[in-house]
Amino acid sequence: MSKLIAIVGRPNVGKSTLFNRLTGTRQAIVSDEAGTTRDRQYGKCEWGKTTFSLVDTGGWVVNSDDIFEEAIRRQVTLATEEADAILFVVDVKNGITDLDEEVARILRATKTPVILCANKADNNIDRYDAAEFYSLGIGDPYPISAATGSGTGDLLDRILEVVGRDNDDDAVDDIPRLAVVGRPNAGKSSIINAFLDEQRHIVTDIAGTTRDSILTRYNKFGFDFNLVDTAGIRKKNKVSEDLEFYSVMRAIRSIEYSDVCLLLLDATRGIEGQDLNILQIIQRNQKSLVVVVNKWDLVEDKSQVAIRHYTETIRQRLAPFTDFPIVFTSAVTKQRIFKVLEVANEVCKTRKNHVGTSKLNEEMLPLIEAYPPPSIKGKYIKIKYCTQIPNTQIPTFVFYANLPQYVKEPYKRFLENKIRERWNFTGTPIQIFIRQK
């Protein structure tokens, strides 16, 4: 499972720029205005054949009257408690400020490893100025320039020293992993208790009980898989305002460690922004999906019309990926609990479905001939051959064309939909590659 790195620091030191640099994206909004980053950004960074996750946090402000800054400060605290390492970003141009000293004081008290990044060291003189940050007592400052990328290689080497490289021991275990994810109070703990038929308190009230996802072996009724739960959430009174953020931090870890995700929705509340955030993380990590609508016992109208309406609404909100099973259940009454396990087990198997090359070409080539990719600049694209690559994490198909660079995303979606119509890949993402023939 990849490690989690939190980027913290006072406002305007360049945390979002560093996040964008390390992830190779432009996800985080960069602005000179303090407090631009309020929501957490989550991304992947690969270095030295090791992948780790990054969380960009809002600027840490102490003794501020701004209600957003108070919330940001709490969430930064939670991020540092959850992370495997912390990147503490300071600004070489401005030198040490009172805020830097206050943040350093709090970080010195944490047991999580802290790496000091002296950002905005755009030239050699700035790099020498970084030495003043030794007085923060955090350790060696790493002079970098997030804007130009200077010094980020040394920083990434240091991150790997601190968190270690990927451990491949996880790959030895072939038993499928099911992660139960969802926003707070959707019934994750209750449904795991219902699966196991025992009152196991997944959410403990002891701070920091579990830093990693816990595996619970489920071996009943012919099923054999590991349930990945999210233990160790602290007492409700300590995280009441930050439960949403905390659940996303936990969801990241659980999702990365799973094969199939059971996304729990609360039937009484419908789909909220938090559910869509978790879905994006599932899709980014290419995990299979089963949507479980919990608390169905509390819904008054349980007619087929209501179920159909609910199903259509869920698929519309989670589009464009709509080929996933939906199960209506109740953890309290144990209604359709067994159905959830059956469906999850089926989705586990579909991840390994393989279509023979001759059968695939026999079905897909006439379709492609009837609906070829649109021509670009007067050039006609011809797809002559296709195959499914064996032994991949998710089903992966390669189509060989004369001009692969001109085949755009909408046509790839068309190919994916046609594959799904003909073969069962329900609940599982599919990768489509177009290659030079």
Protein backbone atom coordinates (compact mmCIF):
# COMPACT_ATOMS: atom_id res chain seq x y z
CA MET A 1 0.00 0.00 0.00
CA SER A 2 1.43 3.39 -0.94
CA LYS A 3 2.49 5.83 1.77
CA LEU A 4 0.63 9.06 2.55
CA ILE A 5 2.56 12.36 2.64
CA ALA A 6 0.91 15.58 3.96
CA ILE A 7 2.13 19.01 2.77
CA VAL A 8 1.74 21.64 5.53
CA GLY A 9 2.90 25.20 6.22
CA ARG A 10 1.63 28.73 6.68
CA PRO A 11 -0.28 30.44 3.82
CA ASN A 12 1.51 31.49 0.61
CA VAL A 13 4.69 29.45 0.96
CA GLY A 14 3.94 27.51 -2.25
CA LYS A 15 2.36 24.29 -0.97
CA SER A 16 -0.05 23.99 -3.91
CA THR A 17 2.74 24.74 -6.42
CA LEU A 18 4.84 21.98 -4.83
CA PHE A 19 1.83 19.61 -4.90
CA ASN A 20 1.34 20.30 -8.63
CA ARG A 21 5.07 19.87 -9.29
CA LEU A 22 5.33 16.50 -7.48
CA THR A 23 2.10 15.05 -8.92
CA GLY A 24 2.77 16.39 -12.42
CA THR A 25 -0.72 17.93 -12.54
CA ARG A 26 -2.39 21.31 -12.20
CA GLN A 27 -5.04 20.10 -9.76
CA ALA A 28 -4.38 22.56 -6.93
CA ILE A 29 -5.34 26.20 -7.53
CA VAL A 30 -2.32 28.48 -7.12
CA SER A 31 -2.88 32.13 -6.11
CA ASP A 32 -1.09 34.91 -4.22
CA GLU A 33 -4.15 35.32 -2.01
CA ALA A 34 -3.75 33.63 1.38
CA GLY A 35 -6.29 30.89 2.12
CA THR A 36 -6.91 29.90 -1.52
CA THR A 37 -6.58 26.21 -0.67
CA ARG A 38 -9.42 25.28 1.66
CA ASP A 39 -10.28 21.78 0.51
CA ARG A 40 -7.79 18.95 0.57
CA GLN A 41 -6.20 17.90 -2.72
CA TYR A 42 -5.19 14.29 -3.18
CA GLY A 43 -2.76 13.05 -5.83
CA LYS A 44 -0.17 10.43 -6.74
CA CYS A 45 3.58 10.90 -7.12
CA GLU A 46 5.97 8.33 -8.60
CA TRP A 47 9.72 8.38 -7.95
CA GLY A 48 12.30 5.62 -8.20
CA LYS A 49 9.64 3.03 -9.17
CA THR A 50 7.81 3.81 -5.91
CA THR A 51 4.39 5.48 -5.82
CA PHE A 52 3.12 7.45 -2.85
CA SER A 53 0.08 9.63 -2.18
CA LEU A 54 0.22 13.37 -1.49
CA VAL A 55 -2.35 15.47 0.40
CA ASP A 56 -2.18 19.25 -0.05
CA THR A 57 -3.60 21.06 2.99
CA GLY A 58 -4.72 24.63 3.56
CA GLY A 59 -2.35 27.22 5.04
CA TRP A 60 -1.84 26.89 8.78
CA VAL A 61 -2.81 30.09 10.61
CA VAL A 62 -2.63 30.45 14.38
CA ASN A 63 -4.84 32.77 16.50
CA SER A 64 -6.91 33.90 13.51
CA ASP A 65 -10.52 35.13 13.62
CA ASP A 66 -11.32 33.71 10.16
CA ILE A 67 -13.69 30.73 10.57
CA PHE A 68 -12.19 29.06 7.47
CA GLU A 69 -8.70 29.32 8.92
CA GLU A 70 -9.86 27.73 12.17
CA ALA A 71 -11.29 24.80 10.19
CA ILE A 72 -8.15 24.58 8.04
CA ARG A 73 -5.96 24.43 11.15
CA ARG A 74 -7.96 21.54 12.59
CA GLN A 75 -7.81 19.67 9.31
CA VAL A 76 -4.06 20.17 9.00
CA THR A 77 -3.69 18.70 12.49
CA LEU A 78 -5.71 15.66 11.42
CA ALA A 79 -3.67 15.32 8.22
CA THR A 80 -0.41 15.25 10.16
CA GLU A 81 -1.79 12.56 12.47
CA GLU A 82 -2.85 10.39 9.54
CA ALA A 83 0.23 10.81 7.32
CA ASP A 84 3.35 8.63 7.17
CA ALA A 85 5.50 11.74 6.70
CA ILE A 86 5.02 15.53 6.67
CA LEU A 87 6.50 18.04 4.22
CA PHE A 88 6.80 21.31 6.18
CA VAL A 89 7.10 24.08 3.56
CA VAL A 90 8.71 27.45 4.44
CA ASP A 91 9.55 30.49 2.30
CA VAL A 92 13.26 31.39 1.82
CA LYS A 93 12.40 34.88 0.50
CA ASN A 94 10.51 35.88 3.68
CA GLY A 95 12.71 33.99 6.15
CA ILE A 96 11.40 32.69 9.47
CA THR A 97 8.11 34.20 10.65
CA ASP A 98 6.20 33.84 13.93
CA LEU A 99 3.80 31.49 12.14
CA ASP A 100 6.66 29.25 10.98
CA GLU A 101 7.93 29.03 14.57
CA GLU A 102 4.44 28.19 15.84
CA VAL A 103 3.95 25.47 13.21
CA ALA A 104 7.44 24.10 13.96
CA ARG A 105 6.61 23.97 17.67
CA ILE A 106 3.53 21.83 16.96
CA LEU A 107 5.39 19.62 14.45
CA ARG A 108 8.26 19.00 16.89
CA ALA A 109 5.70 17.41 19.22
CA THR A 110 4.44 14.95 16.60
CA LYS A 111 5.95 11.47 16.20
CA THR A 112 5.45 11.57 12.43
CA PRO A 113 8.71 12.19 10.46
CA VAL A 114 8.95 15.81 9.25
CA ILE A 115 10.93 16.94 6.18
CA LEU A 116 11.68 20.69 6.00
CA CYS A 117 11.31 22.20 2.48
CA ALA A 118 12.81 25.68 2.02
CA ASN A 119 10.79 26.76 -1.03
CA LYS A 120 11.38 29.66 -3.46
CA ALA A 121 15.17 29.05 -3.49
CA ASP A 122 15.33 30.15 -7.12
CA ASN A 123 19.08 30.91 -7.20
CA ASN A 124 22.32 30.08 -5.34
CA ILE A 125 22.06 33.07 -2.96
CA ASP A 126 18.57 31.89 -1.88
CA ARG A 127 19.95 28.38 -1.31
CA TYR A 128 22.51 29.76 1.17
CA ASP A 129 19.74 31.72 2.93
CA ALA A 130 17.96 28.41 3.64
CA ALA A 131 20.49 27.73 6.40
CA GLU A 132 18.62 30.04 8.81
CA PHE A 133 15.80 27.45 9.01
CA TYR A 134 18.07 25.15 11.05
CA SER A 135 16.95 27.24 14.05
CA LEU A 136 13.41 25.75 13.75
CA GLY A 137 14.79 22.48 15.17
CA ILE A 138 13.13 20.34 12.47
CA GLY A 139 16.34 19.12 10.82
CA ASP A 140 18.12 19.81 7.52
CA PRO A 141 16.24 22.24 5.26
CA TYR A 142 15.97 21.10 1.64
CA PRO A 143 16.25 24.19 -0.61
CA ILE A 144 13.87 23.76 -3.53
CA SER A 145 12.00 25.80 -6.10
CA ALA A 146 8.53 24.37 -6.64
CA ALA A 147 8.01 26.78 -9.56
CA THR A 148 11.04 25.57 -11.56
CA GLY A 149 11.47 22.08 -10.07
CA SER A 150 15.00 22.82 -8.82
CA GLY A 151 15.98 20.61 -5.86
CA THR A 152 12.83 18.45 -5.97
CA GLY A 153 14.84 15.35 -6.94
CA ASP A 154 16.85 15.51 -3.69
CA LEU A 155 13.61 16.11 -1.79
CA LEU A 156 11.96 13.02 -3.34
CA ASP A 157 15.05 10.93 -2.53
CA ARG A 158 14.72 12.08 1.08
CA ILE A 159 11.00 11.17 1.14
CA LEU A 160 11.87 7.63 0.00
CA GLU A 161 14.53 7.40 2.74
CA VAL A 162 11.94 8.35 5.35
CA VAL A 163 8.91 6.30 4.24
CA GLY A 164 10.76 3.43 2.51
CA ARG A 165 10.12 1.88 -0.86
CA ASP A 166 7.06 -0.12 -1.83
CA ASN A 167 6.86 -3.48 -0.13
CA ASP A 168 5.69 -6.15 -2.57
CA ASP A 169 4.68 -8.56 0.22
CA ASP A 170 1.06 -7.47 -0.24
CA ALA A 171 1.00 -8.97 -3.75
CA VAL A 172 1.62 -12.48 -2.38
CA ASP A 173 -1.86 -12.71 -0.88
CA ASP A 174 -4.27 -13.60 -3.69
CA ILE A 175 -7.41 -13.37 -1.55
CA PRO A 176 -9.64 -10.52 -2.85
CA ARG A 177 -9.88 -7.43 -0.65
CA LEU A 178 -13.19 -5.63 -0.07
CA ALA A 179 -13.11 -2.07 1.30
CA VAL A 180 -16.22 -0.62 2.92
CA VAL A 181 -16.08 3.13 2.28
CA GLY A 182 -18.48 6.03 2.55
CA ARG A 183 -19.09 9.27 4.35
CA PRO A 184 -19.52 9.40 8.16
CA ASN A 185 -22.70 7.83 9.57
CA ALA A 186 -23.53 5.92 6.38
CA GLY A 187 -23.35 2.70 8.43
CA LYS A 188 -19.89 1.30 7.57
CA SER A 189 -19.29 -0.14 11.05
CA SER A 190 -22.80 -1.55 11.24
CA ILE A 191 -22.56 -3.33 7.91
CA ILE A 192 -19.20 -4.92 8.78
CA ASN A 193 -20.71 -6.08 12.09
CA ALA A 194 -23.63 -7.53 10.11
CA PHE A 195 -21.25 -9.35 7.71
CA LEU A 196 -19.28 -10.86 10.57
CA ASP A 197 -22.41 -11.42 12.70
CA GLU A 198 -20.66 -10.03 15.76
CA GLN A 199 -20.46 -6.63 17.46
CA ARG A 200 -16.92 -5.73 16.47
CA HIS A 201 -16.37 -2.00 17.02
CA ILE A 202 -14.56 -0.94 13.90
CA VAL A 203 -14.63 2.72 15.01
CA THR A 204 -12.75 2.73 18.32
CA ASP A 205 -12.62 5.58 20.80
CA ILE A 206 -8.87 5.24 21.44
CA ALA A 207 -6.91 7.89 19.54
CA GLY A 208 -4.60 6.47 16.88
CA THR A 209 -5.43 2.80 17.56
CA THR A 210 -4.80 1.91 13.93
CA ARG A 211 -2.77 3.91 11.43
CA ASP A 212 -3.23 1.44 8.56
CA SER A 213 -6.22 -0.40 7.15
CA ILE A 214 -7.08 -3.56 9.08
CA LEU A 215 -7.74 -6.84 7.29
CA THR A 216 -10.51 -9.03 8.65
CA ARG A 217 -10.65 -12.48 7.03
CA TYR A 218 -14.20 -13.43 6.00
CA ASN A 219 -14.52 -17.15 5.40
CA LYS A 220 -18.19 -18.18 5.55
CA PHE A 221 -20.88 -19.55 3.23
CA GLY A 222 -18.34 -20.41 0.54
CA PHE A 223 -16.90 -16.88 0.43
CA ASP A 224 -13.26 -16.17 1.17
CA PHE A 225 -12.00 -12.61 1.14
CA ASN A 226 -10.44 -9.94 3.33
CA LEU A 227 -12.61 -7.08 4.56
CA VAL A 228 -10.64 -3.83 4.69
CA ASP A 229 -12.10 -1.65 7.42
CA THR A 230 -11.10 1.81 8.58
CA ALA A 231 -10.40 1.48 12.30
CA GLY A 232 -8.96 4.09 14.61
CA ILE A 233 -11.18 7.12 14.08
CA ARG A 234 -10.99 9.16 17.27
CA LYS A 235 -13.71 10.15 19.69
CA LYS A 236 -16.63 11.87 18.02
CA ASN A 237 -16.31 14.99 20.20
CA LYS A 238 -12.76 15.56 18.93
CA VAL A 239 -13.50 15.42 15.22
CA SER A 240 -17.14 16.44 14.95
CA GLU A 241 -16.46 19.29 12.50
CA ASP A 242 -13.84 17.38 10.55
CA LEU A 243 -15.53 14.00 10.14
CA GLU A 244 -15.92 14.51 6.40
CA PHE A 245 -12.24 15.25 5.90
CA TYR A 246 -11.23 12.44 8.23
CA SER A 247 -13.34 9.94 6.31
CA VAL A 248 -11.63 10.91 3.05
CA MET A 249 -8.18 10.42 4.63
CA ARG A 250 -9.28 6.97 5.81
CA ALA A 251 -10.95 6.19 2.47
CA ILE A 252 -7.70 6.91 0.58
CA ARG A 253 -5.86 4.26 2.58
CA SER A 254 -8.66 1.69 2.41
CA ILE A 255 -9.28 2.14 -1.31
CA GLU A 256 -5.60 1.79 -2.23
CA TYR A 257 -5.48 -1.44 -0.24
CA SER A 258 -8.53 -3.07 -1.86
CA ASP A 259 -9.71 -4.77 -5.06
CA VAL A 260 -13.43 -4.01 -4.77
CA CYS A 261 -14.94 -0.99 -2.98
CA LEU A 262 -18.38 -1.13 -1.38
CA LEU A 263 -19.49 2.52 -1.53
CA LEU A 264 -22.12 2.96 1.18
CA LEU A 265 -24.86 5.54 0.58
CA ASP A 266 -27.37 6.64 3.19
CA ALA A 267 -30.86 5.98 1.75
CA THR A 268 -32.31 8.80 3.88
CA ARG A 269 -29.85 11.41 2.58
CA GLY A 270 -29.13 10.45 -1.03
CA ILE A 271 -25.85 11.29 -2.80
CA GLU A 272 -23.81 14.19 -1.44
CA GLY A 273 -20.54 15.83 -2.48
CA GLN A 274 -18.61 13.65 -0.06
CA ASP A 275 -19.76 10.48 -1.87
CA LEU A 276 -18.59 11.91 -5.21
CA ASN A 277 -15.17 12.74 -3.68
CA ILE A 278 -14.78 9.13 -2.55
CA LEU A 279 -15.94 7.86 -5.96
CA GLN A 280 -13.23 9.94 -7.67
CA ILE A 281 -10.59 8.33 -5.45
CA ILE A 282 -11.99 4.86 -6.33
CA GLN A 283 -11.82 5.65 -10.05
CA ARG A 284 -8.34 7.21 -9.84
CA ASN A 285 -7.06 4.03 -8.18
CA GLN A 286 -8.85 1.84 -10.78
CA LYS A 287 -10.82 -0.20 -8.25
CA SER A 288 -14.04 -2.13 -8.85
CA LEU A 289 -17.26 -0.67 -7.45
CA VAL A 290 -20.44 -1.93 -5.80
CA VAL A 291 -22.89 0.74 -4.59
CA VAL A 292 -24.68 -0.28 -1.39
CA VAL A 293 -27.72 1.82 -0.40
CA ASN A 294 -27.91 1.32 3.38
CA LYS A 295 -30.72 2.20 5.86
CA TRP A 296 -33.37 1.03 3.36
CA ASP A 297 -35.53 0.07 6.36
CA LEU A 298 -35.98 3.81 7.15
CA VAL A 299 -37.41 4.63 3.69
CA GLU A 300 -41.22 4.75 3.60
CA ASP A 301 -41.78 4.14 -0.14
CA LYS A 302 -40.12 0.81 -1.01
CA SER A 303 -42.06 0.19 -4.24
CA GLN A 304 -40.37 -0.95 -7.46
CA VAL A 305 -41.02 2.51 -8.95
CA ALA A 306 -39.13 4.13 -6.04
CA ILE A 307 -36.24 1.66 -6.40
CA ARG A 308 -36.08 2.31 -10.15
CA HIS A 309 -36.10 6.07 -9.60
CA TYR A 310 -33.39 5.80 -6.93
CA THR A 311 -31.24 3.58 -9.19
CA GLU A 312 -31.51 5.96 -12.16
CA THR A 313 -30.62 8.95 -9.95
CA ILE A 314 -27.52 7.20 -8.59
CA ARG A 315 -26.30 6.28 -12.09
CA GLN A 316 -26.87 9.84 -13.33
CA ARG A 317 -24.90 11.36 -10.42
CA LEU A 318 -22.02 8.88 -10.78
CA ALA A 319 -21.82 9.15 -14.61
CA PRO A 320 -19.95 8.60 -16.92
CA PHE A 321 -19.11 5.25 -15.23
CA THR A 322 -22.56 3.67 -14.89
CA ASP A 323 -21.90 -0.08 -15.29
CA PHE A 324 -21.92 -1.07 -11.61
CA PRO A 325 -24.34 -3.07 -9.42
CA ILE A 326 -26.57 -1.36 -6.84
CA VAL A 327 -27.86 -3.24 -3.77
CA PHE A 328 -30.51 -1.88 -1.37
CA THR A 329 -29.87 -3.12 2.14
CA SER A 330 -30.22 -2.50 5.86
CA ALA A 331 -27.40 -3.28 8.27
CA VAL A 332 -29.83 -3.15 11.22
CA THR A 333 -32.42 -5.64 9.92
CA LYS A 334 -29.76 -7.52 7.85
CA GLN A 335 -31.98 -7.22 4.81
CA ARG A 336 -30.09 -8.35 1.65
CA ILE A 337 -26.75 -8.44 3.54
CA PHE A 338 -25.93 -11.77 1.89
CA LYS A 339 -26.80 -10.26 -1.51
CA VAL A 340 -24.09 -7.60 -1.00
CA LEU A 341 -21.48 -10.33 -0.50
CA GLU A 342 -22.73 -12.31 -3.50
CA VAL A 343 -22.56 -9.26 -5.78
CA ALA A 344 -19.12 -8.24 -4.45
CA ASN A 345 -17.87 -11.78 -5.06
CA GLU A 346 -19.16 -11.66 -8.66
CA VAL A 347 -17.45 -8.31 -9.26
CA CYS A 348 -14.18 -9.79 -7.92
CA LYS A 349 -14.44 -12.48 -10.59
CA THR A 350 -15.24 -10.03 -13.42
CA ARG A 351 -11.89 -8.29 -12.76
CA LYS A 352 -10.27 -11.49 -14.08
CA ASN A 353 -12.58 -12.05 -17.07
CA HIS A 354 -10.66 -12.59 -20.29
CA VAL A 355 -12.03 -12.44 -23.84
CA GLY A 356 -10.26 -14.58 -26.44
CA THR A 357 -8.52 -12.63 -29.23
CA SER A 358 -10.40 -14.34 -32.08
CA LYS A 359 -13.79 -13.79 -30.39
CA LEU A 360 -12.93 -10.15 -29.62
CA ASN A 361 -11.94 -9.43 -33.25
CA GLU A 362 -14.96 -11.31 -34.57
CA GLU A 363 -17.33 -9.08 -32.56
CA MET A 364 -15.52 -5.72 -32.54
CA LEU A 365 -14.04 -5.35 -36.05
CA PRO A 366 -17.42 -5.32 -37.90
CA LEU A 367 -18.63 -2.72 -35.37
CA ILE A 368 -15.53 -0.59 -35.90
CA GLU A 369 -15.98 -0.86 -39.67
CA ALA A 370 -19.60 0.29 -39.38
CA TYR A 371 -18.69 3.13 -36.96
CA PRO A 372 -15.04 4.04 -37.60
CA PRO A 373 -13.22 6.81 -35.69
CA PRO A 374 -13.95 10.23 -37.24
CA SER A 375 -11.38 11.31 -39.83
CA ILE A 376 -9.07 14.19 -38.87
CA LYS A 377 -7.42 16.55 -41.41
CA GLY A 378 -8.68 14.33 -44.21
CA LYS A 379 -6.90 11.27 -42.82
CA TYR A 380 -8.90 8.08 -42.27
CA ILE A 381 -8.16 6.02 -39.17
CA LYS A 382 -8.27 2.26 -39.61
CA ILE A 383 -8.32 -0.18 -36.71
CA LYS A 384 -7.26 -3.59 -37.99
CA TYR A 385 -6.79 -5.74 -34.89
CA CYS A 386 -7.55 -5.86 -31.14
CA THR A 387 -6.63 -8.02 -28.17
CA GLN A 388 -6.97 -8.18 -24.39
CA ILE A 389 -3.69 -8.14 -22.46
CA PRO A 390 -3.59 -11.09 -20.00
CA ASN A 391 -2.72 -10.89 -16.28
CA THR A 392 -3.39 -7.17 -15.78
CA GLN A 393 -4.80 -5.58 -12.62
CA ILE A 394 -7.98 -4.55 -14.48
CA PRO A 395 -9.25 -5.68 -17.92
CA THR A 396 -7.02 -3.95 -20.52
CA PHE A 397 -7.68 -3.91 -24.26
CA VAL A 398 -5.32 -2.79 -27.04
CA PHE A 399 -6.58 -1.67 -30.44
CA TYR A 400 -4.00 -1.38 -33.24
CA ALA A 401 -4.54 1.52 -35.66
CA ASN A 402 -2.61 3.29 -38.43
CA LEU A 403 -2.95 6.73 -36.74
CA PRO A 404 -3.43 6.08 -32.99
CA GLN A 405 -2.71 9.70 -32.02
CA TYR A 406 -5.96 10.82 -33.71
CA VAL A 407 -8.27 8.47 -31.76
CA LYS A 408 -9.87 10.66 -29.08
CA GLU A 409 -11.45 9.92 -25.70
CA PRO A 410 -15.13 9.81 -26.91
CA TYR A 411 -14.28 6.99 -29.34
CA LYS A 412 -12.47 5.07 -26.60
CA ARG A 413 -15.64 5.36 -24.50
CA PHE A 414 -17.64 4.05 -27.49
CA LEU A 415 -15.32 1.00 -27.69
CA GLU A 416 -15.59 0.45 -23.94
CA ASN A 417 -19.41 0.60 -24.04
CA LYS A 418 -19.52 -1.94 -26.89
CA ILE A 419 -17.24 -4.30 -24.96
CA ARG A 420 -19.46 -3.98 -21.89
CA GLU A 421 -22.59 -4.70 -23.99
CA ARG A 422 -21.12 -8.00 -25.20
CA TRP A 423 -19.18 -9.28 -22.18
CA ASN A 424 -19.68 -9.05 -18.45
CA PHE A 425 -17.37 -6.47 -16.88
CA THR A 426 -19.98 -5.03 -14.50
CA GLY A 427 -18.52 -3.00 -11.65
CA THR A 428 -14.97 -3.11 -13.00
CA PRO A 429 -13.11 -0.29 -14.81
CA ILE A 430 -11.70 -1.06 -18.26
CA GLN A 431 -8.54 0.38 -19.84
CA ILE A 432 -8.47 1.03 -23.59
CA PHE A 433 -5.18 1.69 -25.39
CA ILE A 434 -4.74 2.59 -29.05
CA ARG A 435 -1.35 1.55 -30.45
CA GLN A 436 0.50 1.81 -33.76
CA LYS A 437 -0.23 -1.31 -35.81
